[in-house]
């Protein structure tokens, strides 16, 4: 594996916690442009066919564990039926075009299938939406959290997040989708519009501008809440202990999302919360750790809750602050070639007692860090099992300005070569935290971490 390949971004395909933000005005990934078509009207079916065929070819060629093209075809057709049904169309059955073994034949066949469906129902369904649904279902058939379709909006948000661009227009909250399909507020940024309006941790977001959110994915929720600075949004909130939801109207403002936070929680115990592994993290993390040194920290709590991952090189460097030497994790390419990532010598912990906090929002690179600490027996893990979303995902731009993320390599632990994807990291001590706890300002996971360090 080349150095560039080894530095691919490790990103969370399913965001379990994120800031509600406003998007930039320009895409960060531009689709290839056929200059010969510049002066001609764009054929949306032709663009859709190119985009869908390109996605199928990329999945067939790059998915880490390999995939049969027939599986992708069947899933893509299922996506078409779902899109047509949502548009109110009763679709007739189509025979799947024959699939050859060559990649070019696969791409050609997928384009033919899309053209067949889009052409028949062009007057009733948007060709771009049809292509996106077909790509989404094909990717989802692999059941891999680092493989999925990315809208142009998601591409912009992901690129900005990984670059560490923490300034955006929004309301200033972090939300997580709960097991019962509610959107729980897990953090409220100080001095943001949400904080000024009295929103609290533990509140649940149930509607935006009167539209219920029950059936919407988290990306659609973000799209409804974000907006330009100075614009307004009406949120409907359910709060523990109150019998009826209430509305609050917020004026969106500029929010600065933290990448790392640190403080002393007792006279001798330092606390570090790492929110994600972005380009800007390492300098900020080093400053935070130096602050704990100056304040006399003799033990540390490392909070990885709701950390969705980030860039592979940043993950390696951050993990090395807590592990003196040895293997941190391994990546395994589709051809079986294995690369072991080792501590880089930037060790900071200096054998101080360490407790790491995890939950089901701890994903991707944060799971790598938590698992490495467990394998090296350097920390006690407290909280809940992590997300089990660990592989190396590469983002490929598609013809219409969207993209597809594909898990191109597997990731296993550094010492035992244990699988993390779809498994997660089980803490040594399981401690639950409820919405009522959040609403009342309680943190039983943090309390347990402090008690462990103090020997209680």
Protein backbone atom coordinates (compact mmCIF):
# COMPACT_ATOMS: atom_id res chain seq x y z
CA UNK A 1 0.00 0.00 0.00
CA UNK A 2 1.43 3.42 -0.95
CA UNK A 3 1.77 6.19 1.61
CA UNK A 4 -1.03 8.10 -0.08
CA UNK A 5 -3.28 5.05 0.01
CA UNK A 6 -2.45 4.47 3.67
CA UNK A 7 -3.48 8.03 4.45
CA UNK A 8 -7.00 7.60 3.13
CA UNK A 9 -9.69 9.11 5.21
CA UNK A 10 -11.42 6.98 7.77
CA UNK A 11 -14.85 8.52 7.99
CA UNK A 12 -18.14 7.64 9.56
CA UNK A 13 -20.67 6.77 6.91
CA UNK A 14 -23.52 6.97 9.36
CA UNK A 15 -23.20 10.04 11.56
CA UNK A 16 -24.41 9.18 15.02
CA UNK A 17 -23.81 12.67 16.36
CA UNK A 18 -23.31 15.85 14.38
CA UNK A 19 -23.68 19.59 14.43
CA UNK A 20 -26.69 21.07 12.69
CA UNK A 21 -24.92 23.32 10.21
CA UNK A 22 -25.31 25.50 7.15
CA UNK A 23 -23.65 24.42 3.93
CA UNK A 24 -21.19 26.37 1.81
CA UNK A 25 -22.35 27.82 -1.48
CA UNK A 26 -19.96 25.78 -3.63
CA UNK A 27 -19.49 22.03 -3.99
CA UNK A 28 -16.12 20.71 -2.87
CA UNK A 29 -16.22 17.88 -5.41
CA UNK A 30 -16.94 18.82 -8.99
CA UNK A 31 -18.28 16.35 -11.52
CA UNK A 32 -16.29 15.78 -14.71
CA UNK A 33 -17.56 18.01 -17.51
CA UNK A 34 -17.84 16.90 -21.12
CA UNK A 35 -16.91 20.11 -22.95
CA UNK A 36 -18.51 18.82 -26.13
CA UNK A 37 -21.89 19.07 -24.38
CA UNK A 38 -21.33 22.58 -23.01
CA UNK A 39 -23.51 24.26 -25.64
CA UNK A 40 -26.20 21.57 -25.72
CA UNK A 41 -29.12 21.00 -23.34
CA UNK A 42 -28.22 18.49 -20.64
CA UNK A 43 -30.12 15.21 -20.90
CA UNK A 44 -30.99 14.29 -17.28
CA UNK A 45 -31.48 10.63 -18.18
CA UNK A 46 -28.04 10.50 -19.81
CA UNK A 47 -26.46 12.07 -16.72
CA UNK A 48 -28.37 9.69 -14.45
CA UNK A 49 -27.28 6.68 -16.50
CA UNK A 50 -23.66 7.80 -16.41
CA UNK A 51 -23.82 8.37 -12.65
CA UNK A 52 -25.49 5.05 -11.87
CA UNK A 53 -23.20 3.05 -14.14
CA UNK A 54 -20.16 4.75 -12.66
CA UNK A 55 -21.27 3.93 -9.11
CA UNK A 56 -21.86 0.24 -9.91
CA UNK A 57 -18.45 -0.02 -11.58
CA UNK A 58 -16.72 1.63 -8.60
CA UNK A 59 -18.43 -0.69 -6.12
CA UNK A 60 -17.54 -3.76 -8.17
CA UNK A 61 -13.92 -2.72 -8.54
CA UNK A 62 -13.13 -1.28 -5.11
CA UNK A 63 -15.23 -2.81 -2.32
CA UNK A 64 -12.84 -4.35 0.21
CA UNK A 65 -14.52 -7.74 0.56
CA UNK A 66 -15.50 -8.10 -3.10
CA UNK A 67 -19.06 -8.16 -4.42
CA UNK A 68 -20.95 -9.87 -7.23
CA UNK A 69 -22.36 -7.43 -9.76
CA UNK A 70 -25.64 -9.36 -9.80
CA UNK A 71 -26.15 -8.46 -6.13
CA UNK A 72 -25.71 -4.78 -6.95
CA UNK A 73 -28.09 -5.04 -9.92
CA UNK A 74 -30.81 -6.64 -7.81
CA UNK A 75 -30.42 -4.04 -5.07
CA UNK A 76 -30.41 -1.20 -7.61
CA UNK A 77 -33.65 -2.47 -9.10
CA UNK A 78 -35.14 -2.63 -5.60
CA UNK A 79 -34.18 1.01 -5.21
CA UNK A 80 -36.01 1.80 -8.44
CA UNK A 81 -39.17 0.07 -7.22
CA UNK A 82 -39.00 2.01 -3.95
CA UNK A 83 -38.56 5.30 -5.79
CA UNK A 84 -41.42 4.54 -8.18
CA UNK A 85 -43.71 3.46 -5.35
CA UNK A 86 -42.92 6.65 -3.46
CA UNK A 87 -43.86 8.59 -6.61
CA UNK A 88 -47.18 6.74 -6.74
CA UNK A 89 -46.27 4.58 -9.74
CA UNK A 90 -47.27 0.92 -9.96
CA UNK A 91 -44.19 -0.40 -11.76
CA UNK A 92 -44.29 -3.42 -14.02
CA UNK A 93 -41.59 -6.06 -13.76
CA UNK A 94 -38.40 -5.70 -15.79
CA UNK A 95 -36.08 -8.50 -16.75
CA UNK A 96 -32.54 -7.92 -15.52
CA UNK A 97 -30.24 -7.41 -18.53
CA UNK A 98 -27.61 -10.14 -18.89
CA UNK A 99 -24.41 -9.36 -17.01
CA UNK A 100 -21.00 -10.19 -18.40
CA UNK A 101 -17.89 -10.82 -16.35
CA UNK A 102 -15.96 -7.75 -17.49
CA UNK A 103 -16.20 -4.50 -15.60
CA UNK A 104 -17.08 -2.57 -18.76
CA UNK A 105 -19.98 -4.92 -19.42
CA UNK A 106 -21.21 -4.45 -15.86
CA UNK A 107 -21.21 -0.67 -16.19
CA UNK A 108 -22.86 -0.86 -19.61
CA UNK A 109 -25.57 -3.18 -18.32
CA UNK A 110 -26.29 -0.98 -15.32
CA UNK A 111 -26.66 2.07 -17.54
CA UNK A 112 -29.03 0.15 -19.80
CA UNK A 113 -31.17 -0.87 -16.82
CA UNK A 114 -31.39 2.70 -15.56
CA UNK A 115 -32.27 4.07 -19.02
CA UNK A 116 -35.00 1.45 -19.37
CA UNK A 117 -36.71 2.48 -16.12
CA UNK A 118 -36.07 6.23 -16.32
CA UNK A 119 -37.24 6.42 -19.92
CA UNK A 120 -40.49 4.64 -19.22
CA UNK A 121 -41.40 6.85 -16.24
CA UNK A 122 -39.64 10.11 -17.18
CA UNK A 123 -42.87 12.08 -16.89
CA UNK A 124 -43.53 10.88 -13.34
CA UNK A 125 -40.18 10.69 -11.58
CA UNK A 126 -37.09 12.88 -11.45
CA UNK A 127 -34.26 11.02 -13.23
CA UNK A 128 -31.62 12.23 -10.77
CA UNK A 129 -33.64 11.11 -7.78
CA UNK A 130 -34.17 7.71 -9.40
CA UNK A 131 -30.43 7.28 -9.99
CA UNK A 132 -29.64 8.27 -6.41
CA UNK A 133 -32.17 5.83 -4.96
CA UNK A 134 -30.78 3.01 -7.11
CA UNK A 135 -27.21 3.80 -6.07
CA UNK A 136 -28.22 4.08 -2.43
CA UNK A 137 -29.89 0.66 -2.41
CA UNK A 138 -26.98 -0.97 -4.26
CA UNK A 139 -24.53 0.40 -1.69
CA UNK A 140 -26.82 -0.46 1.24
CA UNK A 141 -26.96 -4.09 0.11
CA UNK A 142 -23.35 -4.44 1.30
CA UNK A 143 -24.41 -3.59 4.88
CA UNK A 144 -21.22 -1.62 5.50
CA UNK A 145 -21.34 1.70 7.33
CA UNK A 146 -18.43 3.04 5.27
CA UNK A 147 -20.17 2.30 1.98
CA UNK A 148 -23.00 4.53 0.83
CA UNK A 149 -24.29 7.21 -1.50
CA UNK A 150 -23.44 10.82 -0.63
CA UNK A 151 -25.54 13.71 -1.86
CA UNK A 152 -23.78 16.90 -2.94
CA UNK A 153 -24.76 18.37 0.42
CA UNK A 154 -23.20 15.45 2.31
CA UNK A 155 -20.02 15.75 0.26
CA UNK A 156 -19.68 19.41 1.22
CA UNK A 157 -20.38 18.76 4.89
CA UNK A 158 -18.00 15.81 5.10
CA UNK A 159 -15.16 17.61 3.35
CA UNK A 160 -15.52 20.65 5.59
CA UNK A 161 -15.75 18.57 8.76
CA UNK A 162 -12.61 16.58 7.97
CA UNK A 163 -10.74 19.78 7.11
CA UNK A 164 -11.52 21.08 10.59
CA UNK A 165 -13.62 23.99 9.35
CA UNK A 166 -15.54 24.47 12.58
CA UNK A 167 -17.36 27.72 11.74
CA UNK A 168 -20.83 27.47 10.28
CA UNK A 169 -24.30 28.90 10.42
CA UNK A 170 -26.68 26.91 12.58
CA UNK A 171 -28.41 26.68 15.95
CA UNK A 172 -25.58 25.17 18.00
CA UNK A 173 -26.55 21.68 19.12
CA UNK A 174 -25.32 18.13 18.72
CA UNK A 175 -28.03 15.53 18.18
CA UNK A 176 -28.12 11.75 18.13
CA UNK A 177 -30.83 9.45 16.84
CA UNK A 178 -32.00 7.20 19.65
CA UNK A 179 -33.20 3.60 19.50
CA UNK A 180 -36.83 4.79 19.50
CA UNK A 181 -36.18 7.11 16.50
CA UNK A 182 -36.08 10.34 18.44
CA UNK A 183 -33.47 13.03 17.86
CA UNK A 184 -31.97 13.68 21.27
CA UNK A 185 -29.99 16.81 22.03
CA UNK A 186 -26.75 15.54 23.54
CA UNK A 187 -24.90 18.85 23.71
CA UNK A 188 -25.75 22.54 23.49
CA UNK A 189 -22.94 24.88 22.44
CA UNK A 190 -22.39 27.72 24.89
CA UNK A 191 -23.66 31.13 23.73
CA UNK A 192 -25.28 29.69 20.59
CA UNK A 193 -28.90 30.36 19.57
CA UNK A 194 -30.10 27.09 21.14
CA UNK A 195 -28.41 27.86 24.46
CA UNK A 196 -29.79 31.38 24.50
CA UNK A 197 -33.29 30.01 23.87
CA UNK A 198 -32.98 27.61 26.81
CA UNK A 199 -32.58 24.29 24.98
CA UNK A 200 -31.02 21.60 27.16
CA UNK A 201 -29.25 18.29 26.91
CA UNK A 202 -31.90 15.58 26.98
CA UNK A 203 -34.43 17.56 24.93
CA UNK A 204 -35.81 15.76 21.88
CA UNK A 205 -36.28 17.45 18.52
CA UNK A 206 -39.60 16.21 17.11
CA UNK A 207 -40.50 18.72 14.36
CA UNK A 208 -38.95 21.53 12.32
CA UNK A 209 -41.19 24.34 11.04
CA UNK A 210 -44.15 22.11 11.83
CA UNK A 211 -42.89 19.07 9.89
CA UNK A 212 -42.55 15.89 12.01
CA UNK A 213 -39.13 14.22 11.90
CA UNK A 214 -40.10 10.66 12.83
CA UNK A 215 -39.55 9.14 9.39
CA UNK A 216 -36.62 11.30 8.32
CA UNK A 217 -32.95 10.34 8.32
CA UNK A 218 -30.49 12.48 10.19
CA UNK A 219 -29.22 14.17 7.01
CA UNK A 220 -32.74 15.37 6.20
CA UNK A 221 -33.11 16.68 9.74
CA UNK A 222 -29.89 18.63 9.33
CA UNK A 223 -31.08 20.01 5.99
CA UNK A 224 -34.24 21.37 7.63
CA UNK A 225 -32.57 22.91 10.67
CA UNK A 226 -29.63 24.61 9.00
CA UNK A 227 -29.81 27.85 7.05
CA UNK A 228 -28.13 31.20 6.49
CA UNK A 229 -27.09 33.26 9.48
CA UNK A 230 -29.89 35.60 10.48
CA UNK A 231 -32.70 33.38 9.17
CA UNK A 232 -35.16 31.75 11.56
CA UNK A 233 -36.28 28.19 12.23
CA UNK A 234 -39.09 26.90 14.46
CA UNK A 235 -38.27 23.76 16.45
CA UNK A 236 -40.77 21.60 18.31
CA UNK A 237 -39.18 20.19 21.45
CA UNK A 238 -40.17 17.40 23.84
CA UNK A 239 -38.60 17.69 27.29
CA UNK A 240 -38.45 15.04 30.01
CA UNK A 241 -40.84 15.91 32.82
CA UNK A 242 -43.10 18.07 30.64
CA UNK A 243 -46.37 16.59 29.42
CA UNK A 244 -46.62 18.55 26.16
CA UNK A 245 -44.12 19.54 23.46
CA UNK A 246 -43.40 23.22 22.97
CA UNK A 247 -42.18 25.38 20.09
CA UNK A 248 -39.16 27.65 20.08
CA UNK A 249 -38.13 29.95 17.23
CA UNK A 250 -34.39 30.45 16.81
CA UNK A 251 -32.40 32.90 14.73
CA UNK A 252 -29.52 31.02 13.17
CA UNK A 253 -26.06 32.33 13.97
CA UNK A 254 -22.41 31.52 13.43
CA UNK A 255 -21.37 28.52 15.51
CA UNK A 256 -17.86 27.41 16.40
CA UNK A 257 -17.86 23.66 17.01
CA UNK A 258 -15.03 22.40 19.22
CA UNK A 259 -12.62 19.67 18.11
CA UNK A 260 -11.29 19.08 21.62
CA UNK A 261 -12.17 20.25 25.12
CA UNK A 262 -10.15 19.86 28.31
CA UNK A 263 -10.49 20.78 31.98
CA UNK A 264 -9.72 19.53 35.46
CA UNK A 265 -12.66 17.63 36.97
CA UNK A 266 -10.97 17.27 40.37
CA UNK A 267 -7.77 18.69 41.80
CA UNK A 268 -5.78 15.81 40.26
CA UNK A 269 -7.92 14.33 37.44
CA UNK A 270 -7.80 15.86 33.98
CA UNK A 271 -10.53 15.46 31.37
CA UNK A 272 -10.13 15.50 27.57
CA UNK A 273 -13.08 15.25 25.16
CA UNK A 274 -12.08 14.58 21.54
CA UNK A 275 -15.01 15.28 19.19
CA UNK A 276 -13.45 14.09 15.92
CA UNK A 277 -10.15 13.49 14.14
CA UNK A 278 -9.95 16.49 11.82
CA UNK A 279 -6.91 18.17 10.29
CA UNK A 280 -6.94 20.81 13.02
CA UNK A 281 -7.08 18.37 15.94
CA UNK A 282 -3.45 17.58 16.72
CA UNK A 283 -2.28 21.11 17.53
CA UNK A 284 -5.38 21.69 19.64
CA UNK A 285 -5.02 18.33 21.38
CA UNK A 286 -1.37 19.02 22.23
CA UNK A 287 -2.33 22.40 23.70
CA UNK A 288 -5.11 20.78 25.73
CA UNK A 289 -2.77 18.10 27.08
CA UNK A 290 -0.14 20.71 27.93
CA UNK A 291 -2.79 22.64 29.87
CA UNK A 292 -3.54 19.53 31.92
CA UNK A 293 0.17 19.15 32.64
CA UNK A 294 0.36 22.73 33.90
CA UNK A 295 -2.66 22.15 36.12
CA UNK A 296 -1.10 19.09 37.72
CA UNK A 297 -3.19 16.25 36.24
CA UNK A 298 -2.07 12.93 37.72
CA UNK A 299 -4.80 10.87 36.00
CA UNK A 300 -6.86 11.38 32.84
CA UNK A 301 -10.38 10.71 31.57
CA UNK A 302 -10.49 10.51 27.75
CA UNK A 303 -14.01 11.08 26.42
CA UNK A 304 -14.66 9.53 23.00
CA UNK A 305 -18.45 9.53 23.25
CA UNK A 306 -20.18 10.53 20.01
CA UNK A 307 -16.86 10.85 18.21
CA UNK A 308 -17.58 9.73 14.65
CA UNK A 309 -13.99 9.33 13.43
CA UNK A 310 -11.94 11.31 10.94
CA UNK A 311 -8.71 11.16 8.99
CA UNK A 312 -6.47 8.12 9.21
CA UNK A 313 -3.19 9.97 9.76
CA UNK A 314 -4.78 12.13 12.47
CA UNK A 315 -6.15 9.03 14.21
CA UNK A 316 -2.67 7.48 14.25
CA UNK A 317 -1.05 10.63 15.63
CA UNK A 318 -3.72 11.16 18.29
CA UNK A 319 -3.57 7.52 19.42
CA UNK A 320 0.21 7.81 19.73
CA UNK A 321 -0.24 10.47 22.43
CA UNK A 322 -1.67 7.75 24.69
CA UNK A 323 0.37 4.68 23.65
CA UNK A 324 4.16 4.64 24.00
CA UNK A 325 5.02 2.11 21.30
CA UNK A 326 3.81 -0.93 19.39
CA UNK A 327 1.08 -1.71 16.88
CA UNK A 328 -2.05 0.45 17.00
CA UNK A 329 -4.15 -1.15 14.23
CA UNK A 330 -3.87 -2.88 10.87
CA UNK A 331 -5.47 -2.24 7.49
CA UNK A 332 -6.09 -5.13 5.10
CA UNK A 333 -6.53 -4.39 1.41
CA UNK A 334 -8.78 -6.26 -0.98
CA UNK A 335 -5.78 -8.27 -2.26
CA UNK A 336 -4.88 -9.29 1.30
CA UNK A 337 -1.93 -6.93 1.70
CA UNK A 338 -1.66 -5.81 5.32
CA UNK A 339 -0.18 -2.59 6.69
CA UNK A 340 0.45 -2.18 10.42
CA UNK A 341 0.21 1.31 11.89
CA UNK A 342 2.48 1.86 14.89
CA UNK A 343 2.88 4.50 17.57
CA UNK A 344 4.94 7.41 16.26
CA UNK A 345 6.83 8.28 19.45
CA UNK A 346 4.75 11.31 20.47
CA UNK A 347 3.74 9.68 23.76
CA UNK A 348 2.25 12.05 26.35
CA UNK A 349 0.37 9.94 28.93
CA UNK A 350 3.51 8.98 30.92
CA UNK A 351 1.90 6.00 32.63
CA UNK A 352 -0.82 8.05 34.31
CA UNK A 353 -4.06 6.18 35.12
CA UNK A 354 -6.49 6.50 32.20
CA UNK A 355 -10.22 5.86 31.82
CA UNK A 356 -11.80 6.07 28.36
CA UNK A 357 -15.52 6.83 27.93
CA UNK A 358 -17.43 5.25 25.02
CA UNK A 359 -21.02 4.94 23.82
CA UNK A 360 -22.89 3.74 20.74
CA UNK A 361 -21.95 7.00 19.03
CA UNK A 362 -18.24 6.20 19.36
CA UNK A 363 -17.42 5.17 15.80
CA UNK A 364 -14.69 4.54 13.28
CA UNK A 365 -11.37 6.13 14.31
CA UNK A 366 -12.58 6.61 17.88
CA UNK A 367 -13.14 2.85 18.06
CA UNK A 368 -9.58 2.30 16.85
CA UNK A 369 -8.26 4.46 19.69
CA UNK A 370 -10.47 2.78 22.30
CA UNK A 371 -9.58 -0.73 21.12
CA UNK A 372 -5.84 0.06 21.05
CA UNK A 373 -5.97 1.32 24.63
CA UNK A 374 -7.74 -1.88 25.69
CA UNK A 375 -5.32 -4.16 23.83
CA UNK A 376 -2.30 -2.42 25.32
CA UNK A 377 -3.95 -2.57 28.76
CA UNK A 378 -3.49 1.14 29.25
CA UNK A 379 -7.05 2.16 30.08
CA UNK A 380 -10.28 1.04 31.67
CA UNK A 381 -13.19 1.55 29.27
CA UNK A 382 -16.48 2.76 30.76
CA UNK A 383 -19.85 3.34 29.09
CA UNK A 384 -21.52 1.39 26.28
CA UNK A 385 -20.44 -0.78 23.36
CA UNK A 386 -19.21 1.30 20.43
CA UNK A 387 -20.88 1.54 17.02
CA UNK A 388 -18.93 -1.22 15.24
CA UNK A 389 -18.33 0.99 12.21
CA UNK A 390 -14.65 0.56 11.36
CA UNK A 391 -13.05 0.36 7.92
CA UNK A 392 -11.14 2.62 5.56
CA UNK A 393 -13.60 4.50 3.39
CA UNK A 394 -12.65 6.30 0.20
CA UNK A 395 -14.94 8.88 -1.39
CA UNK A 396 -15.27 8.72 -5.19
CA UNK A 397 -16.90 11.69 -7.00
CA UNK A 398 -19.69 10.82 -9.44
CA UNK A 399 -20.68 12.43 -12.71
CA UNK A 400 -23.50 14.61 -11.36
CA UNK A 401 -21.61 16.16 -8.42
CA UNK A 402 -22.65 13.55 -5.87
CA UNK A 403 -20.28 10.86 -4.60
CA UNK A 404 -20.09 7.32 -3.32
CA UNK A 405 -18.11 6.26 -0.29
CA UNK A 406 -16.70 2.74 -0.48
CA UNK A 407 -14.96 0.68 2.20
CA UNK A 408 -11.74 -0.10 0.35
CA UNK A 409 -9.81 -1.79 3.18
CA UNK A 410 -10.71 -3.65 6.37
CA UNK A 411 -9.36 -2.48 9.73
CA UNK A 412 -8.49 -4.86 12.58
CA UNK A 413 -6.78 -4.38 15.92
CA UNK A 414 -3.02 -4.07 16.06
CA UNK A 415 -2.10 -6.94 18.40
CA UNK A 416 -4.79 -9.63 18.13
CA UNK A 417 -6.01 -8.78 14.60
CA UNK A 418 -9.55 -8.74 16.00
CA UNK A 419 -12.40 -7.51 13.84
CA UNK A 420 -13.98 -4.21 14.86
CA UNK A 421 -16.44 -3.62 12.03
CA UNK A 422 -19.94 -4.81 12.99
CA UNK A 423 -18.47 -5.86 16.36
CA UNK A 424 -17.46 -2.70 18.19
CA UNK A 425 -15.54 -2.30 21.43
CA UNK A 426 -17.13 -3.62 24.60
CA UNK A 427 -16.23 -1.51 27.65
CA UNK A 428 -14.82 -3.13 30.75
CA UNK A 429 -17.65 -1.57 32.77
CA UNK A 430 -21.08 -0.91 31.25
CA UNK A 431 -22.83 2.21 32.54
CA UNK A 432 -26.03 3.49 30.93
CA UNK A 433 -27.02 7.13 30.58
CA UNK A 434 -30.62 8.22 29.93
CA UNK A 435 -32.30 11.29 28.50
CA UNK A 436 -33.45 12.07 32.03
CA UNK A 437 -29.82 11.99 33.14
CA UNK A 438 -28.89 14.44 30.38
CA UNK A 439 -31.82 16.71 31.18
CA UNK A 440 -30.92 16.81 34.88
CA UNK A 441 -27.24 17.42 34.20
CA UNK A 442 -26.20 13.99 35.45
CA UNK A 443 -23.42 11.96 33.85
CA UNK A 444 -23.22 8.53 35.51
CA UNK A 445 -20.50 7.42 33.08
CA UNK A 446 -18.25 10.31 34.09
CA UNK A 447 -19.08 9.74 37.75
CA UNK A 448 -18.02 6.10 37.45
CA UNK A 449 -14.77 7.08 35.72
CA UNK A 450 -13.88 9.46 38.55
CA UNK A 451 -14.75 6.82 41.15
CA UNK A 452 -12.51 4.25 39.43
CA UNK A 453 -9.53 6.60 39.42
CA UNK A 454 -10.10 7.59 43.04
CA UNK A 455 -10.37 3.93 44.04
CA UNK A 456 -13.96 4.16 45.19
